[in-house]
Amino acid sequence: MRRRSFTLHISGYVEKFVTIHPKVAYIKGPVGQPLSATVTITPEAKYPFTIIGSRARRGENFSYALHKKREGNKYVLDIANRKTEVGRYHDIIYLKTDSNVRREIKVYVYGKIYEQPPKNVGKSCTKE
């Protein structure tokens, strides 16, 4: 017996629950240098929430701290690189909320750590 297939199209307006800026945390720079990123999380006025917990999927290449701003209902997520060798990584920080609309917010973290360029790169050398 052959199954019938059909295509279903759904459209509509999706209301914003939260503003995350920037949408993705990119941490990139030379190995051995302090590297970090800051992400701001702002609940939309129609859907207020409190962040009640956080966890990283792996969390082995970075550390993070979440702070609530005094003015307004905003949160700041500070992320610092801990990777000590050249390479890339990606991870997710999960922020648990007290909202019934959305219990968890994901913040994506991407890191690219590269070789430190030699000190004389970009300098001109002239013989006299």
PDB file of N, CA and C in Angstrom:
ATOM      1  N   MET A   1       0.848  -1.185   0.000  1.00  0.00           N
ATOM      2  CA  MET A   1       0.000   0.000   0.000  1.00  0.00           C
ATOM      3  C   MET A   1       0.891   1.246   0.000  1.00  0.00           C
ATOM      4  N   ARG A   2       0.555   2.156  -0.839  1.00  0.00           N
ATOM      5  CA  ARG A   2       1.339   3.377  -1.003  1.00  0.00           C
ATOM      6  C   ARG A   2       0.775   4.491  -0.127  1.00  0.00           C
ATOM      7  N   ARG A   3       1.676   5.202   0.570  1.00  0.00           N
ATOM      8  CA  ARG A   3       1.236   6.303   1.430  1.00  0.00           C
ATOM      9  C   ARG A   3       1.146   7.591   0.636  1.00  0.00           C
ATOM     10  N   ARG A   4       0.137   8.342   0.938  1.00  0.00           N
ATOM     11  CA  ARG A   4      -0.016   9.649   0.304  1.00  0.00           C
ATOM     12  C   ARG A   4       0.794  10.670   1.089  1.00  0.00           C
ATOM     13  N   SER A   5       1.328  11.633   0.406  1.00  0.00           N
ATOM     14  CA  SER A   5       2.039  12.718   1.083  1.00  0.00           C
ATOM     15  C   SER A   5       1.419  14.050   0.681  1.00  0.00           C
ATOM     16  N   PHE A   6       1.570  15.003   1.542  1.00  0.00           N
ATOM     17  CA  PHE A   6       1.054  16.332   1.254  1.00  0.00           C
ATOM     18  C   PHE A   6       1.964  17.356   1.923  1.00  0.00           C
ATOM     19  N   THR A   7       1.888  18.570   1.470  1.00  0.00           N
ATOM     20  CA  THR A   7       2.685  19.661   2.009  1.00  0.00           C
ATOM     21  C   THR A   7       1.776  20.591   2.784  1.00  0.00           C
ATOM     22  N   LEU A   8       2.211  20.920   3.984  1.00  0.00           N
ATOM     23  CA  LEU A   8       1.442  21.811   4.846  1.00  0.00           C
ATOM     24  C   LEU A   8       2.244  23.089   5.047  1.00  0.00           C
ATOM     25  N   HIS A   9       1.665  24.225   4.760  1.00  0.00           N
ATOM     26  CA  HIS A   9       2.307  25.522   4.955  1.00  0.00           C
ATOM     27  C   HIS A   9       1.615  26.239   6.103  1.00  0.00           C
ATOM     28  N   ILE A  10       2.404  26.695   7.064  1.00  0.00           N
ATOM     29  CA  ILE A  10       1.866  27.440   8.197  1.00  0.00           C
ATOM     30  C   ILE A  10       2.569  28.785   8.236  1.00  0.00           C
ATOM     31  N   SER A  11       1.790  29.827   8.416  1.00  0.00           N
ATOM     32  CA  SER A  11       2.396  31.151   8.524  1.00  0.00           C
ATOM     33  C   SER A  11       1.728  31.910   9.659  1.00  0.00           C
ATOM     34  N   GLY A  12       2.435  32.892  10.152  1.00  0.00           N
ATOM     35  CA  GLY A  12       1.893  33.698  11.235  1.00  0.00           C
ATOM     36  C   GLY A  12       2.976  34.564  11.847  1.00  0.00           C
ATOM     37  N   TYR A  13       2.585  35.354  12.785  1.00  0.00           N
ATOM     38  CA  TYR A  13       3.491  36.260  13.465  1.00  0.00           C
ATOM     39  C   TYR A  13       4.036  35.581  14.717  1.00  0.00           C
ATOM     40  N   VAL A  14       5.341  35.656  14.907  1.00  0.00           N
ATOM     41  CA  VAL A  14       5.977  35.094  16.100  1.00  0.00           C
ATOM     42  C   VAL A  14       6.421  36.261  16.969  1.00  0.00           C
ATOM     43  N   GLU A  15       5.924  36.294  18.183  1.00  0.00           N
ATOM     44  CA  GLU A  15       6.299  37.365  19.092  1.00  0.00           C
ATOM     45  C   GLU A  15       7.650  37.078  19.722  1.00  0.00           C
ATOM     46  N   LYS A  16       8.406  38.138  19.882  1.00  0.00           N
ATOM     47  CA  LYS A  16       9.727  38.028  20.480  1.00  0.00           C
ATOM     48  C   LYS A  16       9.598  37.869  21.987  1.00  0.00           C
ATOM     49  N   PHE A  17      10.324  36.901  22.537  1.00  0.00           N
ATOM     50  CA  PHE A  17      10.321  36.622  23.965  1.00  0.00           C
ATOM     51  C   PHE A  17      11.495  37.295  24.667  1.00  0.00           C
ATOM     52  N   VAL A  18      12.648  37.312  23.987  1.00  0.00           N
ATOM     53  CA  VAL A  18      13.875  37.844  24.571  1.00  0.00           C
ATOM     54  C   VAL A  18      14.754  38.418  23.460  1.00  0.00           C
ATOM     55  N   THR A  19      15.549  39.421  23.804  1.00  0.00           N
ATOM     56  CA  THR A  19      16.551  39.952  22.892  1.00  0.00           C
ATOM     57  C   THR A  19      17.910  39.541  23.422  1.00  0.00           C
ATOM     58  N   ILE A  20      18.678  38.856  22.590  1.00  0.00           N
ATOM     59  CA  ILE A  20      20.036  38.440  22.942  1.00  0.00           C
ATOM     60  C   ILE A  20      20.974  39.174  21.988  1.00  0.00           C
ATOM     61  N   HIS A  21      21.891  39.969  22.577  1.00  0.00           N
ATOM     62  CA  HIS A  21      22.803  40.762  21.744  1.00  0.00           C
ATOM     63  C   HIS A  21      24.227  40.651  22.246  1.00  0.00           C
ATOM     64  N   PRO A  22      25.158  40.229  21.419  1.00  0.00           N
ATOM     65  CA  PRO A  22      24.959  39.669  20.092  1.00  0.00           C
ATOM     66  C   PRO A  22      24.296  38.290  20.183  1.00  0.00           C
ATOM     67  N   LYS A  23      23.781  37.834  19.059  1.00  0.00           N
ATOM     68  CA  LYS A  23      23.048  36.562  19.062  1.00  0.00           C
ATOM     69  C   LYS A  23      23.962  35.378  19.359  1.00  0.00           C
ATOM     70  N   VAL A  24      25.229  35.494  18.998  1.00  0.00           N
ATOM     71  CA  VAL A  24      26.225  34.444  19.215  1.00  0.00           C
ATOM     72  C   VAL A  24      27.458  35.078  19.834  1.00  0.00           C
ATOM     73  N   ALA A  25      28.058  34.408  20.825  1.00  0.00           N
ATOM     74  CA  ALA A  25      29.291  34.905  21.439  1.00  0.00           C
ATOM     75  C   ALA A  25      30.478  34.336  20.663  1.00  0.00           C
ATOM     76  N   TYR A  26      31.227  35.214  19.987  1.00  0.00           N
ATOM     77  CA  TYR A  26      32.435  34.818  19.264  1.00  0.00           C
ATOM     78  C   TYR A  26      33.642  35.254  20.081  1.00  0.00           C
ATOM     79  N   ILE A  27      34.507  34.297  20.385  1.00  0.00           N
ATOM     80  CA  ILE A  27      35.742  34.592  21.104  1.00  0.00           C
ATOM     81  C   ILE A  27      36.876  34.182  20.175  1.00  0.00           C
ATOM     82  N   LYS A  28      37.651  35.153  19.712  1.00  0.00           N
ATOM     83  CA  LYS A  28      38.749  34.788  18.823  1.00  0.00           C
ATOM     84  C   LYS A  28      39.936  35.695  19.068  1.00  0.00           C
ATOM     85  N   GLY A  29      41.110  35.098  18.900  1.00  0.00           N
ATOM     86  CA  GLY A  29      42.330  35.842  19.088  1.00  0.00           C
ATOM     87  C   GLY A  29      43.512  34.909  19.257  1.00  0.00           C
ATOM     88  N   PRO A  30      44.711  35.504  19.467  1.00  0.00           N
ATOM     89  CA  PRO A  30      45.917  34.687  19.585  1.00  0.00           C
ATOM     90  C   PRO A  30      46.002  33.954  20.916  1.00  0.00           C
ATOM     91  N   VAL A  31      46.603  32.768  20.866  1.00  0.00           N
ATOM     92  CA  VAL A  31      46.790  31.956  22.056  1.00  0.00           C
ATOM     93  C   VAL A  31      47.634  32.737  23.070  1.00  0.00           C
ATOM     94  N   GLY A  32      47.302  32.602  24.338  1.00  0.00           N
ATOM     95  CA  GLY A  32      48.056  33.267  25.394  1.00  0.00           C
ATOM     96  C   GLY A  32      47.563  34.654  25.751  1.00  0.00           C
ATOM     97  N   GLN A  33      46.635  35.192  24.995  1.00  0.00           N
ATOM     98  CA  GLN A  33      46.081  36.518  25.270  1.00  0.00           C
ATOM     99  C   GLN A  33      44.748  36.377  25.997  1.00  0.00           C
ATOM    100  N   PRO A  34      44.410  37.330  26.873  1.00  0.00           N
ATOM    101  CA  PRO A  34      43.073  37.271  27.487  1.00  0.00           C
ATOM    102  C   PRO A  34      42.003  37.588  26.433  1.00  0.00           C
ATOM    103  N   LEU A  35      41.072  36.680  26.254  1.00  0.00           N
ATOM    104  CA  LEU A  35      40.016  36.825  25.243  1.00  0.00           C
ATOM    105  C   LEU A  35      38.672  36.643  25.920  1.00  0.00           C
ATOM    106  N   SER A  36      37.710  37.481  25.554  1.00  0.00           N
ATOM    107  CA  SER A  36      36.394  37.385  26.181  1.00  0.00           C
ATOM    108  C   SER A  36      35.316  37.927  25.264  1.00  0.00           C
ATOM    109  N   ALA A  37      34.080  37.684  25.666  1.00  0.00           N
ATOM    110  CA  ALA A  37      32.902  38.203  24.962  1.00  0.00           C
ATOM    111  C   ALA A  37      31.841  38.525  26.004  1.00  0.00           C
ATOM    112  N   THR A  38      30.988  39.484  25.679  1.00  0.00           N
ATOM    113  CA  THR A  38      29.891  39.863  26.559  1.00  0.00           C
ATOM    114  C   THR A  38      28.593  39.780  25.779  1.00  0.00           C
ATOM    115  N   VAL A  39      27.589  39.155  26.380  1.00  0.00           N
ATOM    116  CA  VAL A  39      26.269  39.008  25.759  1.00  0.00           C
ATOM    117  C   VAL A  39      25.245  39.636  26.699  1.00  0.00           C
ATOM    118  N   THR A  40      24.333  40.439  26.149  1.00  0.00           N
ATOM    119  CA  THR A  40      23.263  41.049  26.932  1.00  0.00           C
ATOM    120  C   THR A  40      21.956  40.322  26.642  1.00  0.00           C
ATOM    121  N   ILE A  41      21.248  39.956  27.693  1.00  0.00           N
ATOM    122  CA  ILE A  41      19.965  39.256  27.586  1.00  0.00           C
ATOM    123  C   ILE A  41      18.896  40.174  28.153  1.00  0.00           C
ATOM    124  N   THR A  42      17.923  40.566  27.318  1.00  0.00           N
ATOM    125  CA  THR A  42      16.868  41.492  27.733  1.00  0.00           C
ATOM    126  C   THR A  42      15.498  40.860  27.507  1.00  0.00           C
ATOM    127  N   PRO A  43      14.754  40.590  28.581  1.00  0.00           N
ATOM    128  CA  PRO A  43      13.393  40.074  28.406  1.00  0.00           C
ATOM    129  C   PRO A  43      12.496  41.126  27.748  1.00  0.00           C
ATOM    130  N   GLU A  44      11.601  40.689  26.895  1.00  0.00           N
ATOM    131  CA  GLU A  44      10.635  41.608  26.310  1.00  0.00           C
ATOM    132  C   GLU A  44       9.609  41.987  27.382  1.00  0.00           C
ATOM    133  N   ALA A  45       9.118  43.215  27.331  1.00  0.00           N
ATOM    134  CA  ALA A  45       8.211  43.738  28.360  1.00  0.00           C
ATOM    135  C   ALA A  45       6.958  42.864  28.526  1.00  0.00           C
ATOM    136  N   LYS A  46       6.468  42.307  27.437  1.00  0.00           N
ATOM    137  CA  LYS A  46       5.256  41.495  27.490  1.00  0.00           C
ATOM    138  C   LYS A  46       5.487  40.142  28.172  1.00  0.00           C
ATOM    139  N   TYR A  47       6.749  39.692  28.191  1.00  0.00           N
ATOM    140  CA  TYR A  47       7.084  38.378  28.748  1.00  0.00           C
ATOM    141  C   TYR A  47       8.233  38.477  29.758  1.00  0.00           C
ATOM    142  N   PRO A  48       8.001  39.121  30.889  1.00  0.00           N
ATOM    143  CA  PRO A  48       9.088  39.264  31.869  1.00  0.00           C
ATOM    144  C   PRO A  48       9.473  37.899  32.462  1.00  0.00           C
ATOM    145  N   PHE A  49      10.737  37.770  32.781  1.00  0.00           N
ATOM    146  CA  PHE A  49      11.209  36.540  33.427  1.00  0.00           C
ATOM    147  C   PHE A  49      12.449  36.840  34.248  1.00  0.00           C
ATOM    148  N   THR A  50      12.800  35.887  35.090  1.00  0.00           N
ATOM    149  CA  THR A  50      14.020  35.937  35.879  1.00  0.00           C
ATOM    150  C   THR A  50      14.846  34.718  35.510  1.00  0.00           C
ATOM    151  N   ILE A  51      16.148  34.904  35.361  1.00  0.00           N
ATOM    152  CA  ILE A  51      17.025  33.767  35.115  1.00  0.00           C
ATOM    153  C   ILE A  51      17.354  33.158  36.469  1.00  0.00           C
ATOM    154  N   ILE A  52      17.022  31.881  36.631  1.00  0.00           N
ATOM    155  CA  ILE A  52      17.169  31.230  37.937  1.00  0.00           C
ATOM    156  C   ILE A  52      18.283  30.186  37.963  1.00  0.00           C
ATOM    157  N   GLY A  53      18.951  29.985  36.848  1.00  0.00           N
ATOM    158  CA  GLY A  53      20.039  29.018  36.826  1.00  0.00           C
ATOM    159  C   GLY A  53      20.740  29.021  35.484  1.00  0.00           C
ATOM    160  N   SER A  54      21.912  28.416  35.452  1.00  0.00           N
ATOM    161  CA  SER A  54      22.658  28.322  34.201  1.00  0.00           C
ATOM    162  C   SER A  54      23.568  27.105  34.237  1.00  0.00           C
ATOM    163  N   ARG A  55      23.890  26.623  33.026  1.00  0.00           N
ATOM    164  CA  ARG A  55      24.842  25.526  32.884  1.00  0.00           C
ATOM    165  C   ARG A  55      25.382  25.555  31.463  1.00  0.00           C
ATOM    166  N   ALA A  56      26.590  25.062  31.306  1.00  0.00           N
ATOM    167  CA  ALA A  56      27.183  24.934  29.980  1.00  0.00           C
ATOM    168  C   ALA A  56      27.093  23.476  29.562  1.00  0.00           C
ATOM    169  N   ARG A  57      26.936  23.241  28.269  1.00  0.00           N
ATOM    170  CA  ARG A  57      26.860  21.863  27.772  1.00  0.00           C
ATOM    171  C   ARG A  57      28.143  21.112  28.123  1.00  0.00           C
ATOM    172  N   ARG A  58      29.295  21.698  27.780  1.00  0.00           N
ATOM    173  CA  ARG A  58      30.579  21.110  28.165  1.00  0.00           C
ATOM    174  C   ARG A  58      31.320  22.061  29.105  1.00  0.00           C
ATOM    175  N   GLY A  59      31.523  23.288  28.684  1.00  0.00           N
ATOM    176  CA  GLY A  59      32.143  24.301  29.531  1.00  0.00           C
ATOM    177  C   GLY A  59      33.613  24.111  29.807  1.00  0.00           C
ATOM    178  N   GLU A  60      34.301  23.335  28.987  1.00  0.00           N
ATOM    179  CA  GLU A  60      35.707  23.064  29.267  1.00  0.00           C
ATOM    180  C   GLU A  60      36.655  24.129  28.709  1.00  0.00           C
ATOM    181  N   ASN A  61      36.233  24.914  27.747  1.00  0.00           N
ATOM    182  CA  ASN A  61      37.126  25.887  27.106  1.00  0.00           C
ATOM    183  C   ASN A  61      36.878  27.332  27.515  1.00  0.00           C
ATOM    184  N   PHE A  62      35.906  27.577  28.362  1.00  0.00           N
ATOM    185  CA  PHE A  62      35.606  28.944  28.781  1.00  0.00           C
ATOM    186  C   PHE A  62      34.995  28.938  30.171  1.00  0.00           C
ATOM    187  N   SER A  63      35.036  30.092  30.804  1.00  0.00           N
ATOM    188  CA  SER A  63      34.307  30.295  32.053  1.00  0.00           C
ATOM    189  C   SER A  63      33.283  31.395  31.792  1.00  0.00           C
ATOM    190  N   TYR A  64      32.262  31.466  32.610  1.00  0.00           N
ATOM    191  CA  TYR A  64      31.256  32.507  32.405  1.00  0.00           C
ATOM    192  C   TYR A  64      30.679  32.944  33.737  1.00  0.00           C
ATOM    193  N   ALA A  65      30.146  34.169  33.728  1.00  0.00           N
ATOM    194  CA  ALA A  65      29.484  34.727  34.908  1.00  0.00           C
ATOM    195  C   ALA A  65      28.271  35.509  34.422  1.00  0.00           C
ATOM    196  N   LEU A  66      27.155  35.341  35.109  1.00  0.00           N
ATOM    197  CA  LEU A  66      25.910  36.030  34.771  1.00  0.00           C
ATOM    198  C   LEU A  66      25.622  37.079  35.830  1.00  0.00           C
ATOM    199  N   HIS A  67      25.353  38.317  35.389  1.00  0.00           N
ATOM    200  CA  HIS A  67      25.069  39.422  36.299  1.00  0.00           C
ATOM    201  C   HIS A  67      23.763  40.082  35.883  1.00  0.00           C
ATOM    202  N   LYS A  68      22.951  40.473  36.847  1.00  0.00           N
ATOM    203  CA  LYS A  68      21.730  41.238  36.558  1.00  0.00           C
ATOM    204  C   LYS A  68      22.078  42.715  36.667  1.00  0.00           C
ATOM    205  N   LYS A  69      21.705  43.487  35.644  1.00  0.00           N
ATOM    206  CA  LYS A  69      21.958  44.929  35.663  1.00  0.00           C
ATOM    207  C   LYS A  69      20.981  45.610  36.602  1.00  0.00           C
ATOM    208  N   ARG A  70      21.439  46.665  37.215  1.00  0.00           N
ATOM    209  CA  ARG A  70      20.569  47.409  38.141  1.00  0.00           C
ATOM    210  C   ARG A  70      19.459  48.137  37.414  1.00  0.00           C
ATOM    211  N   GLU A  71      19.813  48.795  36.300  1.00  0.00           N
ATOM    212  CA  GLU A  71      18.797  49.539  35.557  1.00  0.00           C
ATOM    213  C   GLU A  71      18.122  48.614  34.553  1.00  0.00           C
ATOM    214  N   GLY A  72      16.834  48.640  34.576  1.00  0.00           N
ATOM    215  CA  GLY A  72      16.059  47.805  33.658  1.00  0.00           C
ATOM    216  C   GLY A  72      16.111  46.347  34.054  1.00  0.00           C
ATOM    217  N   ASN A  73      15.487  45.537  33.266  1.00  0.00           N
ATOM    218  CA  ASN A  73      15.451  44.102  33.540  1.00  0.00           C
ATOM    219  C   ASN A  73      16.367  43.398  32.545  1.00  0.00           C
ATOM    220  N   LYS A  74      17.681  43.638  32.679  1.00  0.00           N
ATOM    221  CA  LYS A  74      18.659  43.074  31.754  1.00  0.00           C
ATOM    222  C   LYS A  74      19.655  42.218  32.503  1.00  0.00           C
ATOM    223  N   TYR A  75      20.215  41.273  31.763  1.00  0.00           N
ATOM    224  CA  TYR A  75      21.277  40.422  32.290  1.00  0.00           C
ATOM    225  C   TYR A  75      22.491  40.557  31.381  1.00  0.00           C
ATOM    226  N   VAL A  76      23.676  40.452  31.975  1.00  0.00           N
ATOM    227  CA  VAL A  76      24.920  40.482  31.222  1.00  0.00           C
ATOM    228  C   VAL A  76      25.644  39.165  31.481  1.00  0.00           C
ATOM    229  N   LEU A  77      26.017  38.508  30.400  1.00  0.00           N
ATOM    230  CA  LEU A  77      26.742  37.250  30.467  1.00  0.00           C
ATOM    231  C   LEU A  77      28.168  37.508  29.994  1.00  0.00           C
ATOM    232  N   ASP A  78      29.130  37.429  30.913  1.00  0.00           N
ATOM    233  CA  ASP A  78      30.541  37.609  30.582  1.00  0.00           C
ATOM    234  C   ASP A  78      31.159  36.234  30.377  1.00  0.00           C
ATOM    235  N   ILE A  79      31.805  36.051  29.229  1.00  0.00           N
ATOM    236  CA  ILE A  79      32.390  34.759  28.866  1.00  0.00           C
ATOM    237  C   ILE A  79      33.877  34.972  28.610  1.00  0.00           C
ATOM    238  N   ALA A  80      34.732  34.177  29.251  1.00  0.00           N
ATOM    239  CA  ALA A  80      36.180  34.312  29.113  1.00  0.00           C
ATOM    240  C   ALA A  80      36.785  33.001  28.607  1.00  0.00           C
ATOM    241  N   ASN A  81      37.673  33.103  27.638  1.00  0.00           N
ATOM    242  CA  ASN A  81      38.350  31.942  27.080  1.00  0.00           C
ATOM    243  C   ASN A  81      39.282  31.300  28.114  1.00  0.00           C
ATOM    244  N   ARG A  82      39.321  29.962  28.124  1.00  0.00           N
ATOM    245  CA  ARG A  82      40.274  29.221  28.951  1.00  0.00           C
ATOM    246  C   ARG A  82      41.128  28.267  28.122  1.00  0.00           C
ATOM    247  N   LYS A  83      40.902  28.237  26.828  1.00  0.00           N
ATOM    248  CA  LYS A  83      41.664  27.325  25.956  1.00  0.00           C
ATOM    249  C   LYS A  83      43.099  27.817  25.846  1.00  0.00           C
ATOM    250  N   THR A  84      44.053  26.914  26.066  1.00  0.00           N
ATOM    251  CA  THR A  84      45.462  27.310  26.104  1.00  0.00           C
ATOM    252  C   THR A  84      46.259  26.853  24.893  1.00  0.00           C
ATOM    253  N   GLU A  85      45.599  26.228  23.929  1.00  0.00           N
ATOM    254  CA  GLU A  85      46.302  25.842  22.711  1.00  0.00           C
ATOM    255  C   GLU A  85      45.497  26.277  21.494  1.00  0.00           C
ATOM    256  N   VAL A  86      46.152  26.281  20.351  1.00  0.00           N
ATOM    257  CA  VAL A  86      45.521  26.685  19.100  1.00  0.00           C
ATOM    258  C   VAL A  86      44.398  25.708  18.762  1.00  0.00           C
ATOM    259  N   GLY A  87      43.279  26.242  18.309  1.00  0.00           N
ATOM    260  CA  GLY A  87      42.164  25.396  17.912  1.00  0.00           C
ATOM    261  C   GLY A  87      40.849  26.138  17.977  1.00  0.00           C
ATOM    262  N   ARG A  88      39.794  25.407  17.719  1.00  0.00           N
ATOM    263  CA  ARG A  88      38.432  25.962  17.728  1.00  0.00           C
ATOM    264  C   ARG A  88      37.576  25.186  18.714  1.00  0.00           C
ATOM    265  N   TYR A  89      36.491  25.832  19.125  1.00  0.00           N
ATOM    266  CA  TYR A  89      35.505  25.138  19.954  1.00  0.00           C
ATOM    267  C   TYR A  89      34.142  25.780  19.777  1.00  0.00           C
ATOM    268  N   HIS A  90      33.131  25.036  20.125  1.00  0.00           N
ATOM    269  CA  HIS A  90      31.766  25.563  20.161  1.00  0.00           C
ATOM    270  C   HIS A  90      31.060  24.901  21.338  1.00  0.00           C
ATOM    271  N   ASP A  91      30.130  25.626  21.909  1.00  0.00           N
ATOM    272  CA  ASP A  91      29.432  25.145  23.087  1.00  0.00           C
ATOM    273  C   ASP A  91      28.123  25.921  23.204  1.00  0.00           C
ATOM    274  N   ILE A  92      27.340  25.558  24.198  1.00  0.00           N
ATOM    275  CA  ILE A  92      26.072  26.243  24.462  1.00  0.00           C
ATOM    276  C   ILE A  92      25.977  26.502  25.957  1.00  0.00           C
ATOM    277  N   ILE A  93      25.554  27.715  26.307  1.00  0.00           N
ATOM    278  CA  ILE A  93      25.226  28.026  27.694  1.00  0.00           C
ATOM    279  C   ILE A  93      23.706  28.040  27.783  1.00  0.00           C
ATOM    280  N   TYR A  94      23.161  27.241  28.696  1.00  0.00           N
ATOM    281  CA  TYR A  94      21.721  27.160  28.898  1.00  0.00           C
ATOM    282  C   TYR A  94      21.349  28.028  30.096  1.00  0.00           C
ATOM    283  N   LEU A  95      20.417  28.948  29.894  1.00  0.00           N
ATOM    284  CA  LEU A  95      19.941  29.820  30.968  1.00  0.00           C
ATOM    285  C   LEU A  95      18.526  29.394  31.326  1.00  0.00           C
ATOM    286  N   LYS A  96      18.336  28.956  32.558  1.00  0.00           N
ATOM    287  CA  LYS A  96      17.026  28.497  33.020  1.00  0.00           C
ATOM    288  C   LYS A  96      16.225  29.699  33.512  1.00  0.00           C
ATOM    289  N   THR A  97      14.963  29.804  33.067  1.00  0.00           N
ATOM    290  CA  THR A  97      14.105  30.928  33.458  1.00  0.00           C
ATOM    291  C   THR A  97      12.926  30.431  34.296  1.00  0.00           C
ATOM    292  N   ASP A  98      12.258  31.388  34.914  1.00  0.00           N
ATOM    293  CA  ASP A  98      11.044  31.061  35.672  1.00  0.00           C
ATOM    294  C   ASP A  98       9.782  31.256  34.834  1.00  0.00           C
ATOM    295  N   SER A  99       9.946  31.430  33.539  1.00  0.00           N
ATOM    296  CA  SER A  99       8.820  31.699  32.643  1.00  0.00           C
ATOM    297  C   SER A  99       8.125  30.411  32.207  1.00  0.00           C
ATOM    298  N   ASN A 100       6.805  30.458  32.104  1.00  0.00           N
ATOM    299  CA  ASN A 100       6.054  29.339  31.555  1.00  0.00           C
ATOM    300  C   ASN A 100       6.066  29.351  30.031  1.00  0.00           C
ATOM    301  N   VAL A 101       6.415  30.503  29.442  1.00  0.00           N
ATOM    302  CA  VAL A 101       6.455  30.628  27.989  1.00  0.00           C
ATOM    303  C   VAL A 101       7.688  29.926  27.437  1.00  0.00           C
ATOM    304  N   ARG A 102       8.812  30.146  28.077  1.00  0.00           N
ATOM    305  CA  ARG A 102      10.074  29.537  27.626  1.00  0.00           C
ATOM    306  C   ARG A 102      10.949  29.266  28.842  1.00  0.00           C
ATOM    307  N   ARG A 103      11.134  28.019  29.144  1.00  0.00           N
ATOM    308  CA  ARG A 103      11.862  27.613  30.358  1.00  0.00           C
ATOM    309  C   ARG A 103      13.373  27.739  30.229  1.00  0.00           C
ATOM    310  N   GLU A 104      13.887  27.740  28.985  1.00  0.00           N
ATOM    311  CA  GLU A 104      15.332  27.741  28.794  1.00  0.00           C
ATOM    312  C   GLU A 104      15.714  28.597  27.596  1.00  0.00           C
ATOM    313  N   ILE A 105      16.803  29.338  27.744  1.00  0.00           N
ATOM    314  CA  ILE A 105      17.348  30.172  26.671  1.00  0.00           C
ATOM    315  C   ILE A 105      18.731  29.636  26.357  1.00  0.00           C
ATOM    316  N   LYS A 106      19.060  29.536  25.076  1.00  0.00           N
ATOM    317  CA  LYS A 106      20.378  29.056  24.667  1.00  0.00           C
ATOM    318  C   LYS A 106      21.232  30.219  24.180  1.00  0.00           C
ATOM    319  N   VAL A 107      22.466  30.260  24.643  1.00  0.00           N
ATOM    320  CA  VAL A 107      23.453  31.219  24.146  1.00  0.00           C
ATOM    321  C   VAL A 107      24.584  30.390  23.540  1.00  0.00           C
ATOM    322  N   TYR A 108      24.816  30.568  22.245  1.00  0.00           N
ATOM    323  CA  TYR A 108      25.841  29.798  21.545  1.00  0.00           C
ATOM    324  C   TYR A 108      27.188  30.498  21.679  1.00  0.00           C
ATOM    325  N   VAL A 109      28.227  29.708  21.927  1.00  0.00           N
ATOM    326  CA  VAL A 109      29.579  30.224  22.115  1.00  0.00           C
ATOM    327  C   VAL A 109      30.496  29.550  21.095  1.00  0.00           C
ATOM    328  N   TYR A 110      31.240  30.371  20.324  1.00  0.00           N
ATOM    329  CA  TYR A 110      32.209  29.866  19.360  1.00  0.00           C
ATOM    330  C   TYR A 110      33.561  30.485  19.670  1.00  0.00           C
ATOM    331  N   GLY A 111      34.602  29.653  19.687  1.00  0.00           N
ATOM    332  CA  GLY A 111      35.943  30.142  19.942  1.00  0.00           C
ATOM    333  C   GLY A 111      36.893  29.745  18.837  1.00  0.00           C
ATOM    334  N   LYS A 112      37.807  30.658  18.504  1.00  0.00           N
ATOM    335  CA  LYS A 112      38.856  30.373  17.522  1.00  0.00           C
ATOM    336  C   LYS A 112      40.144  30.969  18.082  1.00  0.00           C
ATOM    337  N   ILE A 113      41.033  30.082  18.484  1.00  0.00           N
ATOM    338  CA  ILE A 113      42.296  30.496  19.069  1.00  0.00           C
ATOM    339  C   ILE A 113      43.390  30.152  18.058  1.00  0.00           C
ATOM    340  N   TYR A 114      44.196  31.148  17.683  1.00  0.00           N
ATOM    341  CA  TYR A 114      45.198  30.936  16.643  1.00  0.00           C
ATOM    342  C   TYR A 114      46.586  31.328  17.143  1.00  0.00           C
ATOM    343  N   GLU A 115      47.601  30.953  16.348  1.00  0.00           N
ATOM    344  CA  GLU A 115      48.994  31.255  16.674  1.00  0.00           C
ATOM    345  C   GLU A 115      49.197  32.754  16.790  1.00  0.00           C
ATOM    346  N   GLN A 116      50.016  33.134  17.729  1.00  0.00           N
ATOM    347  CA  GLN A 116      50.366  34.543  17.859  1.00  0.00           C
ATOM    348  C   GLN A 116      51.320  34.874  16.721  1.00  0.00           C
ATOM    349  N   PRO A 117      51.056  35.954  15.964  1.00  0.00           N
ATOM    350  CA  PRO A 117      51.943  36.291  14.857  1.00  0.00           C
ATOM    351  C   PRO A 117      53.326  36.686  15.378  1.00  0.00           C
ATOM    352  N   PRO A 118      54.375  36.434  14.580  1.00  0.00           N
ATOM    353  CA  PRO A 118      55.717  36.853  14.993  1.00  0.00           C
ATOM    354  C   PRO A 118      55.767  38.359  15.248  1.00  0.00           C
ATOM    355  N   LYS A 119      56.632  38.773  16.138  1.00  0.00           N
ATOM    356  CA  LYS A 119      56.691  40.175  16.553  1.00  0.00           C
ATOM    357  C   LYS A 119      57.034  41.132  15.419  1.00  0.00           C
ATOM    358  N   ASN A 120      57.811  40.694  14.419  1.00  0.00           N
ATOM    359  CA  ASN A 120      58.233  41.617  13.367  1.00  0.00           C
ATOM    360  C   ASN A 120      57.320  41.622  12.157  1.00  0.00           C
ATOM    361  N   VAL A 121      56.194  40.955  12.206  1.00  0.00           N
ATOM    362  CA  VAL A 121      55.252  40.963  11.084  1.00  0.00           C
ATOM    363  C   VAL A 121      54.661  42.360  10.938  1.00  0.00           C
ATOM    364  N   GLY A 122      54.699  42.857   9.719  1.00  0.00           N
ATOM    365  CA  GLY A 122      54.124  44.175   9.451  1.00  0.00           C
ATOM    366  C   GLY A 122      55.110  45.316   9.617  1.00  0.00           C
ATOM    367  N   LYS A 123      56.318  45.031  10.117  1.00  0.00           N
ATOM    368  CA  LYS A 123      57.317  46.080  10.266  1.00  0.00           C
ATOM    369  C   LYS A 123      58.273  46.000   9.084  1.00  0.00           C
ATOM    370  N   SER A 124      58.681  47.126   8.600  1.00  0.00           N
ATOM    371  CA  SER A 124      59.599  47.132   7.477  1.00  0.00           C
ATOM    372  C   SER A 124      61.033  47.087   7.991  1.00  0.00           C
ATOM    373  N   CYS A 125      61.830  46.347   7.301  1.00  0.00           N
ATOM    374  CA  CYS A 125      63.251  46.247   7.657  1.00  0.00           C
ATOM    375  C   CYS A 125      64.063  46.872   6.541  1.00  0.00           C
ATOM    376  N   THR A 126      64.864  47.819   6.847  1.00  0.00           N
ATOM    377  CA  THR A 126      65.704  48.439   5.841  1.00  0.00           C
ATOM    378  C   THR A 126      67.143  48.365   6.309  1.00  0.00           C
ATOM    379  N   LYS A 127      68.034  48.084   5.360  1.00  0.00           N
ATOM    380  CA  LYS A 127      69.457  48.051   5.655  1.00  0.00           C
ATOM    381  C   LYS A 127      70.026  49.405   5.330  1.00  0.00           C
ATOM    382  N   GLU A 128      70.915  49.836   6.164  1.00  0.00           N
ATOM    383  CA  GLU A 128      71.574  51.114   5.898  1.00  0.00           C
ATOM    384  C   GLU A 128      72.996  50.887   5.530  1.00  0.00           C
TER     385      GLU A 128
END
